[in-house]
Protein backbone atom coordinates (compact mmCIF):
# COMPACT_ATOMS: atom_id res chain seq x y z
CA MET A 1 31.11 41.55 -32.87
CA MET A 2 33.48 40.66 -30.04
CA SER A 3 30.69 40.89 -27.43
CA LYS A 4 28.54 38.43 -29.43
CA PHE A 5 31.48 36.04 -29.62
CA LEU A 6 32.10 36.30 -25.86
CA LYS A 7 28.38 35.67 -25.11
CA ALA A 8 28.40 32.60 -27.35
CA VAL A 9 31.51 31.25 -25.62
CA GLY A 10 29.94 31.93 -22.20
CA LEU A 11 26.75 30.13 -23.17
CA LEU A 12 28.73 27.15 -24.47
CA ALA A 13 30.76 26.98 -21.29
CA ALA A 14 27.62 27.11 -19.08
CA THR A 15 25.98 24.36 -21.15
CA THR A 16 29.08 22.16 -20.91
CA ALA A 17 29.32 22.72 -17.13
CA LEU A 18 25.63 21.74 -16.70
CA GLY A 19 26.12 18.59 -18.77
CA ALA A 20 29.08 17.64 -16.57
CA CYS A 21 26.85 17.84 -13.45
CA VAL A 22 24.11 15.58 -14.70
CA SER A 23 25.01 11.92 -15.20
CA PHE A 24 22.97 8.74 -15.33
CA GLY A 25 25.97 6.45 -15.51
CA GLY A 26 25.97 6.05 -19.27
CA ALA A 27 26.62 8.08 -22.42
CA GLU A 28 22.94 9.04 -22.77
CA PRO A 29 20.37 9.66 -20.05
CA PRO A 30 17.35 7.30 -20.09
CA PRO A 31 14.26 8.66 -21.84
CA SER A 32 12.32 8.49 -18.52
CA LEU A 33 12.62 7.23 -14.93
CA LEU A 34 10.46 4.51 -13.36
CA ALA A 35 8.51 4.90 -10.09
CA LEU A 36 5.95 3.07 -8.03
CA SER A 37 2.44 4.46 -7.68
CA PRO A 38 0.16 3.16 -4.88
CA ASP A 39 -3.31 1.89 -5.81
CA GLN A 40 -4.54 2.94 -2.32
CA LYS A 41 -3.74 6.53 -1.42
CA LEU A 42 -4.56 8.83 1.43
CA SER A 43 -6.91 11.56 0.27
CA ALA A 44 -5.75 15.18 0.46
CA GLY A 45 -6.30 16.58 3.94
CA ALA A 46 -6.69 13.15 5.54
CA VAL A 47 -5.82 13.19 9.25
CA ARG A 48 -4.63 10.26 11.32
CA SER A 49 -4.18 10.76 15.03
CA GLY A 50 -3.49 8.69 18.09
CA PRO A 51 -0.87 8.05 20.74
CA GLN A 52 2.70 7.73 19.56
CA ALA A 53 2.84 4.38 21.34
CA GLY A 54 -0.03 3.03 19.16
CA SER A 55 1.60 3.94 15.86
CA LEU A 56 3.04 1.68 13.19
CA VAL A 57 6.46 2.00 11.56
CA VAL A 58 7.40 0.51 8.17
CA ALA A 59 11.17 0.07 8.17
CA LEU A 60 13.36 0.18 5.10
CA PRO A 61 13.58 -3.44 3.91
CA ALA A 62 16.94 -5.14 3.51
CA ALA A 63 17.78 -6.15 -0.06
CA PRO A 64 20.31 -8.33 -1.83
CA GLN A 65 23.14 -6.67 -3.73
CA LYS A 66 21.36 -7.11 -7.08
CA LEU A 67 18.66 -4.72 -5.82
CA ASN A 68 21.08 -2.24 -4.23
CA THR A 69 20.90 -0.11 -7.36
CA ILE A 70 18.46 1.99 -9.39
CA ARG A 71 18.65 -0.53 -12.29
CA VAL A 72 16.17 -3.32 -12.99
CA PRO A 73 17.70 -6.81 -12.68
CA VAL A 74 16.95 -9.43 -15.30
CA GLN A 75 17.50 -13.14 -14.51
CA THR A 76 18.95 -14.37 -17.82
CA THR A 77 19.81 -17.93 -16.73
CA GLY A 78 19.72 -19.94 -13.48
CA THR A 79 22.79 -18.05 -12.24
CA GLY A 80 23.12 -15.13 -14.67
CA ILE A 81 21.89 -11.60 -14.01
CA ALA A 82 21.97 -8.58 -16.31
CA TYR A 83 20.30 -5.18 -16.07
CA LEU A 84 17.48 -4.00 -18.33
CA LYS A 85 18.62 -1.45 -20.87
CA ASP A 86 17.36 2.10 -20.29
CA ALA A 87 15.33 1.07 -17.22
CA VAL A 88 16.20 3.30 -14.27
CA TRP A 89 14.25 3.80 -11.03
CA VAL A 90 13.96 7.20 -9.39
CA ASP A 91 15.29 5.63 -6.20
CA LYS A 92 16.42 2.16 -5.04
CA PRO A 93 13.65 -0.45 -5.06
CA ALA A 94 13.76 -0.97 -1.27
CA ARG A 95 13.03 2.71 -0.64
CA LEU A 96 10.27 2.82 -3.27
CA PHE A 97 8.66 -0.29 -1.79
CA GLN A 98 8.86 1.11 1.74
CA ASP A 99 7.00 4.27 0.64
CA LEU A 100 4.41 2.23 -1.26
CA LEU A 101 3.81 -0.07 1.69
CA SER A 102 3.51 2.81 4.18
CA GLU A 103 0.95 4.62 2.01
CA THR A 104 -1.04 1.43 1.37
CA ILE A 105 -1.25 0.50 5.08
CA ALA A 106 -2.20 4.04 6.07
CA ALA A 107 -4.89 4.30 3.37
CA THR A 108 -6.29 0.79 3.78
CA ASN A 109 -6.25 0.24 7.50
CA ASN A 110 -6.78 3.80 8.82
CA ARG A 111 -3.53 3.34 10.80
CA LEU A 112 -1.23 6.07 12.06
CA VAL A 113 1.94 5.24 10.13
CA LEU A 114 5.09 7.09 11.21
CA THR A 115 8.72 7.07 10.26
CA ALA A 116 11.14 5.58 12.81
CA THR A 117 12.29 9.09 13.65
CA GLU A 118 8.73 10.35 14.21
CA ALA A 119 7.92 7.33 16.39
CA GLY A 120 11.05 7.86 18.51
CA GLY A 121 11.21 4.17 19.37
CA ASN A 122 7.73 4.21 20.89
CA ALA A 123 5.65 2.60 18.16
CA GLN A 124 3.45 -0.35 18.97
CA THR A 125 4.03 -2.18 15.64
CA TYR A 126 7.10 -2.43 13.47
CA ILE A 127 7.07 -3.94 10.00
CA THR A 128 10.48 -4.85 8.61
CA GLY A 129 11.86 -7.58 6.39
CA GLU A 130 13.68 -8.19 3.12
CA LEU A 131 12.80 -7.35 -0.48
CA VAL A 132 14.01 -10.62 -1.98
CA ASN A 133 12.94 -10.18 -5.63
CA PHE A 134 12.09 -7.08 -7.58
CA GLY A 135 12.91 -7.73 -11.23
CA LEU A 136 12.33 -9.60 -14.46
CA ASP A 137 12.82 -13.24 -15.35
CA GLY A 138 14.02 -12.90 -18.94
CA PRO A 139 13.13 -16.33 -20.42
CA SER A 140 9.53 -16.26 -19.14
CA LEU A 141 8.99 -12.47 -19.39
CA THR A 142 7.61 -12.49 -15.86
CA VAL A 143 8.24 -9.83 -13.21
CA THR A 144 8.18 -10.86 -9.58
CA VAL A 145 8.07 -9.02 -6.29
CA THR A 146 8.95 -11.11 -3.19
CA TYR A 147 8.90 -9.58 0.27
CA ASP A 148 9.77 -11.48 3.47
CA ALA A 149 7.86 -9.45 6.06
CA VAL A 150 8.49 -9.44 9.80
CA LYS A 151 5.80 -8.09 12.14
CA MET A 152 6.86 -7.06 15.63
CA VAL A 153 4.04 -5.99 17.95
CA THR A 154 4.57 -5.01 21.59
CA ASP A 155 3.90 -7.95 23.94
CA LYS A 156 3.16 -10.39 21.10
CA PRO A 157 5.27 -13.05 19.35
CA VAL A 158 7.27 -11.97 16.29
CA GLU A 159 5.69 -13.15 13.02
CA LYS A 160 7.37 -13.66 9.66
CA LYS A 161 5.60 -14.28 6.38
CA ARG A 162 6.56 -14.38 2.67
CA PHE A 163 4.49 -12.38 0.21
CA GLN A 164 4.92 -12.72 -3.55
CA ALA A 165 3.18 -11.55 -6.70
CA SER A 166 4.10 -12.05 -10.37
CA GLU A 167 2.93 -10.43 -13.57
CA LYS A 168 3.52 -11.34 -17.21
CA VAL A 169 4.88 -8.58 -19.43
CA PHE A 170 4.83 -8.45 -23.23
CA ALA A 171 8.37 -7.22 -23.72
CA ALA A 172 11.66 -6.81 -21.89
CA GLU A 173 11.42 -3.03 -22.13
CA PRO A 174 11.31 -0.29 -19.45
CA ASN A 175 7.65 0.69 -19.69
CA PRO A 176 5.96 -2.75 -19.63
CA VAL A 177 8.45 -4.04 -17.01
CA GLY A 178 7.98 -0.96 -14.84
CA GLU A 179 4.18 -1.23 -15.06
CA GLY A 180 4.26 -4.94 -14.31
CA LEU A 181 6.47 -4.40 -11.26
CA ASN A 182 4.14 -1.63 -10.08
CA ARG A 183 1.10 -3.97 -10.30
CA ALA A 184 2.97 -6.78 -8.52
CA ALA A 185 4.25 -4.45 -5.76
CA ASN A 186 0.74 -3.15 -5.14
CA LYS A 187 -0.61 -6.71 -4.85
CA VAL A 188 2.08 -7.52 -2.28
CA ALA A 189 1.48 -4.26 -0.38
CA ALA A 190 -2.28 -4.94 -0.19
CA GLU A 191 -1.66 -8.45 1.14
CA VAL A 192 0.79 -7.13 3.77
CA ALA A 193 -1.72 -4.44 4.78
CA GLU A 194 -4.38 -7.10 5.31
CA TRP A 195 -1.94 -9.20 7.32
CA VAL A 196 -0.89 -6.26 9.48
CA GLY A 197 -4.50 -5.19 10.14
């Protein structure tokens, strides 16, 4: 009898300890996490090769403070911002967009895309910039992705261009907003890939 009681207490203590380790910042964890999925993907086993000096690096974009979080910002008024209830990204939007853009450029343009560490400062092309918008306009139920891209190519002038895509969503809820942002992000990534060449 005593051993069953001790086992039950031990199980309860272990469950409590695990619950204390996992936190999503609120009383209840969100039902699911949002992620970006590239429309253009490298196939399994795809090989890209070439000189390190001819490679391309997609840098982590800068982002305003409203995007420096795993929450989804909602523009409620001209100056008011809230965060969409239960909508949580698996990572910060800038990191997700960087990964999406790298995959899209590599798959679309047959380019050797490396990380900054892999390139070791020897890449021919660097793509950087700022992720200006990545959220929902509440009154119009429109999600918008805005990326100010900067292209730096060895021995060529620096170029800067704004890319933007918007999608209507049917509700201010995590799934439709996440899907809308994924579509808009893929449109922007495809346009950037075409621009980069």
